[in-house]
Amino acid sequence: MAEPVEARGLGSDEAGVLGPIGALARRADLVGTVARLVVPAGSLAEPVVQGMFTRPHILPWPDRLASSVCGVALVAAGILAVLRAGRA
């Protein structure tokens, strides 16, 4: 029979709410630093991977504008999160 989560040192608030990446991000070592950079890296990569800055001209202008604005917002949020993770 498996040990309860509390017996292994992971409280229910740590493992249940944060998930595995969030639980690792609380660590103070290199693993924690890398885990804190997972979400910002995704935020920086998504606009490039999804092509948010280069939309076909067949789409109406509101769709192209919204895609670019979302791409800029994701990149800005990713940069701020990387800077914040670097300070922690």
PDB file of N, CA and C in Angstrom:
ATOM      1  N   MET A   1       0.841  -1.180   0.000  1.00  0.00           N
ATOM      2  CA  MET A   1       0.000   0.000   0.000  1.00  0.00           C
ATOM      3  C   MET A   1       0.889   1.247   0.000  1.00  0.00           C
ATOM      4  N   ALA A   2       0.516   2.244  -0.779  1.00  0.00           N
ATOM      5  CA  ALA A   2       1.314   3.466  -0.906  1.00  0.00           C
ATOM      6  C   ALA A   2       1.162   4.347   0.327  1.00  0.00           C
ATOM      7  N   GLU A   3       2.229   5.072   0.618  1.00  0.00           N
ATOM      8  CA  GLU A   3       2.188   6.001   1.742  1.00  0.00           C
ATOM      9  C   GLU A   3       1.316   7.199   1.377  1.00  0.00           C
ATOM     10  N   PRO A   4       0.657   7.766   2.372  1.00  0.00           N
ATOM     11  CA  PRO A   4      -0.102   8.984   2.084  1.00  0.00           C
ATOM     12  C   PRO A   4       0.858  10.111   1.687  1.00  0.00           C
ATOM     13  N   VAL A   5       0.334  11.093   0.989  1.00  0.00           N
ATOM     14  CA  VAL A   5       1.157  12.195   0.512  1.00  0.00           C
ATOM     15  C   VAL A   5       1.829  12.913   1.676  1.00  0.00           C
ATOM     16  N   GLU A   6       1.130  13.116   2.780  1.00  0.00           N
ATOM     17  CA  GLU A   6       1.678  13.825   3.918  1.00  0.00           C
ATOM     18  C   GLU A   6       2.878  13.090   4.520  1.00  0.00           C
ATOM     19  N   ALA A   7       2.886  11.762   4.456  1.00  0.00           N
ATOM     20  CA  ALA A   7       3.971  10.979   5.036  1.00  0.00           C
ATOM     21  C   ALA A   7       5.262  11.136   4.233  1.00  0.00           C
ATOM     22  N   ARG A   8       5.165  11.482   2.956  1.00  0.00           N
ATOM     23  CA  ARG A   8       6.357  11.661   2.126  1.00  0.00           C
ATOM     24  C   ARG A   8       6.893  13.083   2.190  1.00  0.00           C
ATOM     25  N   GLY A   9       6.284  13.954   2.935  1.00  0.00           N
ATOM     26  CA  GLY A   9       6.773  15.315   3.068  1.00  0.00           C
ATOM     27  C   GLY A   9       6.151  16.305   2.105  1.00  0.00           C
ATOM     28  N   LEU A  10       5.183  15.892   1.311  1.00  0.00           N
ATOM     29  CA  LEU A  10       4.492  16.798   0.418  1.00  0.00           C
ATOM     30  C   LEU A  10       3.097  17.048   0.973  1.00  0.00           C
ATOM     31  N   GLY A  11       2.864  18.218   1.490  1.00  0.00           N
ATOM     32  CA  GLY A  11       1.551  18.534   2.029  1.00  0.00           C
ATOM     33  C   GLY A  11       0.521  18.588   0.924  1.00  0.00           C
ATOM     34  N   SER A  12      -0.730  18.465   1.256  1.00  0.00           N
ATOM     35  CA  SER A  12      -1.774  18.458   0.242  1.00  0.00           C
ATOM     36  C   SER A  12      -1.827  19.776  -0.510  1.00  0.00           C
ATOM     37  N   ASP A  13      -1.498  20.883   0.165  1.00  0.00           N
ATOM     38  CA  ASP A  13      -1.495  22.162  -0.542  1.00  0.00           C
ATOM     39  C   ASP A  13      -0.355  22.233  -1.552  1.00  0.00           C
ATOM     40  N   GLU A  14       0.740  21.588  -1.274  1.00  0.00           N
ATOM     41  CA  GLU A  14       1.904  21.640  -2.161  1.00  0.00           C
ATOM     42  C   GLU A  14       1.727  20.745  -3.384  1.00  0.00           C
ATOM     43  N   ALA A  15       1.298  19.524  -3.197  1.00  0.00           N
ATOM     44  CA  ALA A  15       1.209  18.583  -4.310  1.00  0.00           C
ATOM     45  C   ALA A  15      -0.094  18.740  -5.076  1.00  0.00           C
ATOM     46  N   GLY A  16      -1.190  19.039  -4.396  1.00  0.00           N
ATOM     47  CA  GLY A  16      -2.479  19.087  -5.063  1.00  0.00           C
ATOM     48  C   GLY A  16      -2.718  20.360  -5.833  1.00  0.00           C
ATOM     49  N   VAL A  17      -2.383  21.488  -5.270  1.00  0.00           N
ATOM     50  CA  VAL A  17      -2.699  22.757  -5.909  1.00  0.00           C
ATOM     51  C   VAL A  17      -1.624  23.156  -6.914  1.00  0.00           C
ATOM     52  N   LEU A  18      -0.374  22.998  -6.568  1.00  0.00           N
ATOM     53  CA  LEU A  18       0.704  23.462  -7.429  1.00  0.00           C
ATOM     54  C   LEU A  18       1.035  22.515  -8.565  1.00  0.00           C
ATOM     55  N   GLY A  19       0.812  21.248  -8.373  1.00  0.00           N
ATOM     56  CA  GLY A  19       1.185  20.271  -9.380  1.00  0.00           C
ATOM     57  C   GLY A  19       2.672  19.968  -9.293  1.00  0.00           C
ATOM     58  N   PRO A  20       3.159  19.086 -10.144  1.00  0.00           N
ATOM     59  CA  PRO A  20       4.558  18.673 -10.031  1.00  0.00           C
ATOM     60  C   PRO A  20       5.551  19.799 -10.327  1.00  0.00           C
ATOM     61  N   ILE A  21       5.290  20.635 -11.326  1.00  0.00           N
ATOM     62  CA  ILE A  21       6.214  21.730 -11.643  1.00  0.00           C
ATOM     63  C   ILE A  21       6.193  22.769 -10.532  1.00  0.00           C
ATOM     64  N   GLY A  22       5.019  23.076 -10.008  1.00  0.00           N
ATOM     65  CA  GLY A  22       4.917  24.034  -8.914  1.00  0.00           C
ATOM     66  C   GLY A  22       5.594  23.544  -7.651  1.00  0.00           C
ATOM     67  N   ALA A  23       5.478  22.254  -7.380  1.00  0.00           N
ATOM     68  CA  ALA A  23       6.139  21.696  -6.206  1.00  0.00           C
ATOM     69  C   ALA A  23       7.658  21.754  -6.363  1.00  0.00           C
ATOM     70  N   LEU A  24       8.155  21.500  -7.561  1.00  0.00           N
ATOM     71  CA  LEU A  24       9.595  21.588  -7.802  1.00  0.00           C
ATOM     72  C   LEU A  24      10.076  23.042  -7.762  1.00  0.00           C
ATOM     73  N   ALA A  25       9.220  23.978  -8.182  1.00  0.00           N
ATOM     74  CA  ALA A  25       9.608  25.391  -8.217  1.00  0.00           C
ATOM     75  C   ALA A  25       9.844  25.963  -6.831  1.00  0.00           C
ATOM     76  N   ARG A  26       9.325  25.323  -5.809  1.00  0.00           N
ATOM     77  CA  ARG A  26       9.521  25.813  -4.447  1.00  0.00           C
ATOM     78  C   ARG A  26      10.905  25.488  -3.906  1.00  0.00           C
ATOM     79  N   ARG A  27      11.627  24.613  -4.592  1.00  0.00           N
ATOM     80  CA  ARG A  27      12.970  24.242  -4.132  1.00  0.00           C
ATOM     81  C   ARG A  27      13.932  25.397  -4.365  1.00  0.00           C
ATOM     82  N   ALA A  28      14.995  25.443  -3.569  1.00  0.00           N
ATOM     83  CA  ALA A  28      15.962  26.535  -3.649  1.00  0.00           C
ATOM     84  C   ALA A  28      17.194  26.174  -4.482  1.00  0.00           C
ATOM     85  N   ASP A  29      17.232  24.999  -5.068  1.00  0.00           N
ATOM     86  CA  ASP A  29      18.413  24.574  -5.822  1.00  0.00           C
ATOM     87  C   ASP A  29      18.205  24.796  -7.324  1.00  0.00           C
ATOM     88  N   LEU A  30      19.080  24.220  -8.132  1.00  0.00           N
ATOM     89  CA  LEU A  30      19.026  24.382  -9.582  1.00  0.00           C
ATOM     90  C   LEU A  30      17.725  23.831 -10.165  1.00  0.00           C
ATOM     91  N   VAL A  31      17.235  22.726  -9.618  1.00  0.00           N
ATOM     92  CA  VAL A  31      15.981  22.138 -10.103  1.00  0.00           C
ATOM     93  C   VAL A  31      14.833  23.128  -9.916  1.00  0.00           C
ATOM     94  N   GLY A  32      14.809  23.811  -8.786  1.00  0.00           N
ATOM     95  CA  GLY A  32      13.774  24.809  -8.534  1.00  0.00           C
ATOM     96  C   GLY A  32      13.859  25.977  -9.500  1.00  0.00           C
ATOM     97  N   THR A  33      15.081  26.406  -9.803  1.00  0.00           N
ATOM     98  CA  THR A  33      15.257  27.514 -10.746  1.00  0.00           C
ATOM     99  C   THR A  33      14.768  27.128 -12.136  1.00  0.00           C
ATOM    100  N   VAL A  34      15.117  25.938 -12.569  1.00  0.00           N
ATOM    101  CA  VAL A  34      14.671  25.464 -13.887  1.00  0.00           C
ATOM    102  C   VAL A  34      13.153  25.330 -13.914  1.00  0.00           C
ATOM    103  N   ALA A  35      12.563  24.807 -12.842  1.00  0.00           N
ATOM    104  CA  ALA A  35      11.106  24.654 -12.790  1.00  0.00           C
ATOM    105  C   ALA A  35      10.409  26.013 -12.813  1.00  0.00           C
ATOM    106  N   ARG A  36      11.014  27.031 -12.182  1.00  0.00           N
ATOM    107  CA  ARG A  36      10.416  28.363 -12.205  1.00  0.00           C
ATOM    108  C   ARG A  36      10.485  28.989 -13.594  1.00  0.00           C
ATOM    109  N   LEU A  37      11.352  28.498 -14.455  1.00  0.00           N
ATOM    110  CA  LEU A  37      11.482  29.050 -15.804  1.00  0.00           C
ATOM    111  C   LEU A  37      10.663  28.310 -16.856  1.00  0.00           C
ATOM    112  N   VAL A  38       9.949  27.250 -16.473  1.00  0.00           N
ATOM    113  CA  VAL A  38       9.164  26.469 -17.442  1.00  0.00           C
ATOM    114  C   VAL A  38       8.035  27.304 -18.043  1.00  0.00           C
ATOM    115  N   VAL A  39       7.245  27.942 -17.204  1.00  0.00           N
ATOM    116  CA  VAL A  39       6.102  28.717 -17.699  1.00  0.00           C
ATOM    117  C   VAL A  39       6.558  29.953 -18.479  1.00  0.00           C
ATOM    118  N   PRO A  40       7.543  30.733 -17.986  1.00  0.00           N
ATOM    119  CA  PRO A  40       8.003  31.859 -18.802  1.00  0.00           C
ATOM    120  C   PRO A  40       8.575  31.435 -20.158  1.00  0.00           C
ATOM    121  N   ALA A  41       9.265  30.298 -20.196  1.00  0.00           N
ATOM    122  CA  ALA A  41       9.796  29.823 -21.479  1.00  0.00           C
ATOM    123  C   ALA A  41       8.663  29.493 -22.438  1.00  0.00           C
ATOM    124  N   GLY A  42       7.611  28.906 -21.933  1.00  0.00           N
ATOM    125  CA  GLY A  42       6.441  28.625 -22.771  1.00  0.00           C
ATOM    126  C   GLY A  42       5.770  29.888 -23.258  1.00  0.00           C
ATOM    127  N   SER A  43       5.731  30.898 -22.400  1.00  0.00           N
ATOM    128  CA  SER A  43       5.141  32.176 -22.775  1.00  0.00           C
ATOM    129  C   SER A  43       5.960  32.877 -23.855  1.00  0.00           C
ATOM    130  N   LEU A  44       7.257  32.719 -23.798  1.00  0.00           N
ATOM    131  CA  LEU A  44       8.107  33.312 -24.833  1.00  0.00           C
ATOM    132  C   LEU A  44       8.071  32.517 -26.135  1.00  0.00           C
ATOM    133  N   ALA A  45       7.924  31.212 -26.038  1.00  0.00           N
ATOM    134  CA  ALA A  45       7.980  30.364 -27.231  1.00  0.00           C
ATOM    135  C   ALA A  45       6.654  30.305 -27.991  1.00  0.00           C
ATOM    136  N   GLU A  46       5.534  30.409 -27.288  1.00  0.00           N
ATOM    137  CA  GLU A  46       4.240  30.213 -27.943  1.00  0.00           C
ATOM    138  C   GLU A  46       3.976  31.175 -29.106  1.00  0.00           C
ATOM    139  N   PRO A  47       4.216  32.478 -28.968  1.00  0.00           N
ATOM    140  CA  PRO A  47       3.949  33.359 -30.116  1.00  0.00           C
ATOM    141  C   PRO A  47       4.775  33.009 -31.348  1.00  0.00           C
ATOM    142  N   VAL A  48       5.993  32.544 -31.137  1.00  0.00           N
ATOM    143  CA  VAL A  48       6.843  32.184 -32.271  1.00  0.00           C
ATOM    144  C   VAL A  48       6.356  30.881 -32.902  1.00  0.00           C
ATOM    145  N   VAL A  49       6.056  29.907 -32.064  1.00  0.00           N
ATOM    146  CA  VAL A  49       5.615  28.598 -32.566  1.00  0.00           C
ATOM    147  C   VAL A  49       4.254  28.703 -33.260  1.00  0.00           C
ATOM    148  N   GLN A  50       3.358  29.495 -32.694  1.00  0.00           N
ATOM    149  CA  GLN A  50       2.016  29.639 -33.267  1.00  0.00           C
ATOM    150  C   GLN A  50       1.973  30.630 -34.427  1.00  0.00           C
ATOM    151  N   GLY A  51       3.052  31.352 -34.660  1.00  0.00           N
ATOM    152  CA  GLY A  51       3.086  32.315 -35.763  1.00  0.00           C
ATOM    153  C   GLY A  51       2.188  33.508 -35.529  1.00  0.00           C
ATOM    154  N   MET A  52       2.166  34.010 -34.309  1.00  0.00           N
ATOM    155  CA  MET A  52       1.260  35.113 -33.975  1.00  0.00           C
ATOM    156  C   MET A  52       1.669  36.444 -34.610  1.00  0.00           C
ATOM    157  N   PHE A  53       2.894  36.558 -35.071  1.00  0.00           N
ATOM    158  CA  PHE A  53       3.342  37.812 -35.653  1.00  0.00           C
ATOM    159  C   PHE A  53       3.260  37.811 -37.178  1.00  0.00           C
ATOM    160  N   THR A  54       3.030  36.661 -37.775  1.00  0.00           N
ATOM    161  CA  THR A  54       2.903  36.568 -39.229  1.00  0.00           C
ATOM    162  C   THR A  54       1.618  35.821 -39.559  1.00  0.00           C
ATOM    163  N   ARG A  55       0.559  36.550 -39.758  1.00  0.00           N
ATOM    164  CA  ARG A  55      -0.736  35.958 -40.106  1.00  0.00           C
ATOM    165  C   ARG A  55      -1.019  36.186 -41.586  1.00  0.00           C
ATOM    166  N   PRO A  56      -1.690  35.247 -42.250  1.00  0.00           N
ATOM    167  CA  PRO A  56      -2.015  35.425 -43.670  1.00  0.00           C
ATOM    168  C   PRO A  56      -2.961  36.613 -43.886  1.00  0.00           C
ATOM    169  N   HIS A  57      -2.792  37.294 -45.006  1.00  0.00           N
ATOM    170  CA  HIS A  57      -3.616  38.471 -45.306  1.00  0.00           C
ATOM    171  C   HIS A  57      -5.052  38.108 -45.666  1.00  0.00           C
ATOM    172  N   ILE A  58      -5.334  36.834 -45.829  1.00  0.00           N
ATOM    173  CA  ILE A  58      -6.711  36.426 -46.122  1.00  0.00           C
ATOM    174  C   ILE A  58      -7.605  36.587 -44.887  1.00  0.00           C
ATOM    175  N   LEU A  59      -6.988  36.572 -43.700  1.00  0.00           N
ATOM    176  CA  LEU A  59      -7.756  36.774 -42.475  1.00  0.00           C
ATOM    177  C   LEU A  59      -8.169  38.237 -42.356  1.00  0.00           C
ATOM    178  N   PRO A  60      -9.312  38.501 -41.735  1.00  0.00           N
ATOM    179  CA  PRO A  60      -9.712  39.893 -41.547  1.00  0.00           C
ATOM    180  C   PRO A  60      -8.743  40.626 -40.608  1.00  0.00           C
ATOM    181  N   TRP A  61      -8.654  41.939 -40.758  1.00  0.00           N
ATOM    182  CA  TRP A  61      -7.680  42.709 -39.989  1.00  0.00           C
ATOM    183  C   TRP A  61      -7.865  42.586 -38.479  1.00  0.00           C
ATOM    184  N   PRO A  62      -9.099  42.452 -37.936  1.00  0.00           N
ATOM    185  CA  PRO A  62      -9.193  42.298 -36.478  1.00  0.00           C
ATOM    186  C   PRO A  62      -8.517  41.019 -35.973  1.00  0.00           C
ATOM    187  N   ASP A  63      -8.599  39.948 -36.744  1.00  0.00           N
ATOM    188  CA  ASP A  63      -7.940  38.699 -36.348  1.00  0.00           C
ATOM    189  C   ASP A  63      -6.425  38.853 -36.351  1.00  0.00           C
ATOM    190  N   ARG A  64      -5.897  39.499 -37.377  1.00  0.00           N
ATOM    191  CA  ARG A  64      -4.452  39.714 -37.442  1.00  0.00           C
ATOM    192  C   ARG A  64      -3.975  40.615 -36.319  1.00  0.00           C
ATOM    193  N   LEU A  65      -4.729  41.685 -36.037  1.00  0.00           N
ATOM    194  CA  LEU A  65      -4.366  42.607 -34.968  1.00  0.00           C
ATOM    195  C   LEU A  65      -4.421  41.913 -33.604  1.00  0.00           C
ATOM    196  N   ALA A  66      -5.482  41.156 -33.365  1.00  0.00           N
ATOM    197  CA  ALA A  66      -5.622  40.461 -32.078  1.00  0.00           C
ATOM    198  C   ALA A  66      -4.499  39.449 -31.878  1.00  0.00           C
ATOM    199  N   SER A  67      -4.117  38.767 -32.932  1.00  0.00           N
ATOM    200  CA  SER A  67      -3.035  37.791 -32.826  1.00  0.00           C
ATOM    201  C   SER A  67      -1.720  38.478 -32.470  1.00  0.00           C
ATOM    202  N   SER A  68      -1.440  39.596 -33.098  1.00  0.00           N
ATOM    203  CA  SER A  68      -0.204  40.330 -32.800  1.00  0.00           C
ATOM    204  C   SER A  68      -0.210  40.887 -31.391  1.00  0.00           C
ATOM    205  N   VAL A  69      -1.344  41.435 -30.954  1.00  0.00           N
ATOM    206  CA  VAL A  69      -1.440  41.979 -29.597  1.00  0.00           C
ATOM    207  C   VAL A  69      -1.246  40.870 -28.562  1.00  0.00           C
ATOM    208  N   CYS A  70      -1.848  39.722 -28.792  1.00  0.00           N
ATOM    209  CA  CYS A  70      -1.659  38.589 -27.872  1.00  0.00           C
ATOM    210  C   CYS A  70      -0.214  38.128 -27.860  1.00  0.00           C
ATOM    211  N   GLY A  71       0.415  38.100 -29.012  1.00  0.00           N
ATOM    212  CA  GLY A  71       1.822  37.706 -29.083  1.00  0.00           C
ATOM    213  C   GLY A  71       2.712  38.654 -28.304  1.00  0.00           C
ATOM    214  N   VAL A  72       2.473  39.956 -28.439  1.00  0.00           N
ATOM    215  CA  VAL A  72       3.260  40.946 -27.702  1.00  0.00           C
ATOM    216  C   VAL A  72       3.013  40.805 -26.203  1.00  0.00           C
ATOM    217  N   ALA A  73       1.760  40.588 -25.812  1.00  0.00           N
ATOM    218  CA  ALA A  73       1.441  40.428 -24.385  1.00  0.00           C
ATOM    219  C   ALA A  73       2.124  39.188 -23.803  1.00  0.00           C
ATOM    220  N   LEU A  74       2.128  38.090 -24.537  1.00  0.00           N
ATOM    221  CA  LEU A  74       2.791  36.881 -24.053  1.00  0.00           C
ATOM    222  C   LEU A  74       4.299  37.064 -23.932  1.00  0.00           C
ATOM    223  N   VAL A  75       4.900  37.724 -24.900  1.00  0.00           N
ATOM    224  CA  VAL A  75       6.343  37.957 -24.835  1.00  0.00           C
ATOM    225  C   VAL A  75       6.678  38.874 -23.660  1.00  0.00           C
ATOM    226  N   ALA A  76       5.895  39.933 -23.479  1.00  0.00           N
ATOM    227  CA  ALA A  76       6.142  40.843 -22.355  1.00  0.00           C
ATOM    228  C   ALA A  76       5.976  40.126 -21.016  1.00  0.00           C
ATOM    229  N   ALA A  77       4.920  39.322 -20.895  1.00  0.00           N
ATOM    230  CA  ALA A  77       4.716  38.571 -19.652  1.00  0.00           C
ATOM    231  C   ALA A  77       5.842  37.558 -19.432  1.00  0.00           C
ATOM    232  N   GLY A  78       6.308  36.924 -20.490  1.00  0.00           N
ATOM    233  CA  GLY A  78       7.408  35.976 -20.375  1.00  0.00           C
ATOM    234  C   GLY A  78       8.692  36.643 -19.930  1.00  0.00           C
ATOM    235  N   ILE A  79       8.990  37.813 -20.478  1.00  0.00           N
ATOM    236  CA  ILE A  79      10.197  38.533 -20.074  1.00  0.00           C
ATOM    237  C   ILE A  79      10.116  38.941 -18.610  1.00  0.00           C
ATOM    238  N   LEU A  80       8.967  39.464 -18.205  1.00  0.00           N
ATOM    239  CA  LEU A  80       8.810  39.852 -16.790  1.00  0.00           C
ATOM    240  C   LEU A  80       8.923  38.650 -15.867  1.00  0.00           C
ATOM    241  N   ALA A  81       8.358  37.516 -16.270  1.00  0.00           N
ATOM    242  CA  ALA A  81       8.427  36.319 -15.430  1.00  0.00           C
ATOM    243  C   ALA A  81       9.852  35.772 -15.345  1.00  0.00           C
ATOM    244  N   VAL A  82      10.608  35.860 -16.435  1.00  0.00           N
ATOM    245  CA  VAL A  82      12.004  35.414 -16.392  1.00  0.00           C
ATOM    246  C   VAL A  82      12.812  36.309 -15.446  1.00  0.00           C
ATOM    247  N   LEU A  83      12.589  37.613 -15.539  1.00  0.00           N
ATOM    248  CA  LEU A  83      13.294  38.533 -14.647  1.00  0.00           C
ATOM    249  C   LEU A  83      12.918  38.270 -13.189  1.00  0.00           C
ATOM    250  N   ARG A  84      11.658  38.000 -12.935  1.00  0.00           N
ATOM    251  CA  ARG A  84      11.187  37.722 -11.582  1.00  0.00           C
ATOM    252  C   ARG A  84      11.764  36.404 -11.065  1.00  0.00           C
ATOM    253  N   ALA A  85      11.808  35.390 -11.924  1.00  0.00           N
ATOM    254  CA  ALA A  85      12.354  34.096 -11.515  1.00  0.00           C
ATOM    255  C   ALA A  85      13.842  34.196 -11.259  1.00  0.00           C
ATOM    256  N   GLY A  86      14.518  35.067 -11.977  1.00  0.00           N
ATOM    257  CA  GLY A  86      15.940  35.251 -11.753  1.00  0.00           C
ATOM    258  C   GLY A  86      16.260  35.902 -10.421  1.00  0.00           C
ATOM    259  N   ARG A  87      15.332  36.717  -9.924  1.00  0.00           N
ATOM    260  CA  ARG A  87      15.539  37.367  -8.621  1.00  0.00           C
ATOM    261  C   ARG A  87      15.236  36.440  -7.464  1.00  0.00           C
ATOM    262  N   ALA A  88      14.359  35.467  -7.670  1.00  0.00           N
ATOM    263  CA  ALA A  88      13.924  34.608  -6.555  1.00  0.00           C
ATOM    264  C   ALA A  88      14.988  33.640  -6.117  1.00  0.00           C
TER     265      ALA A  88
END
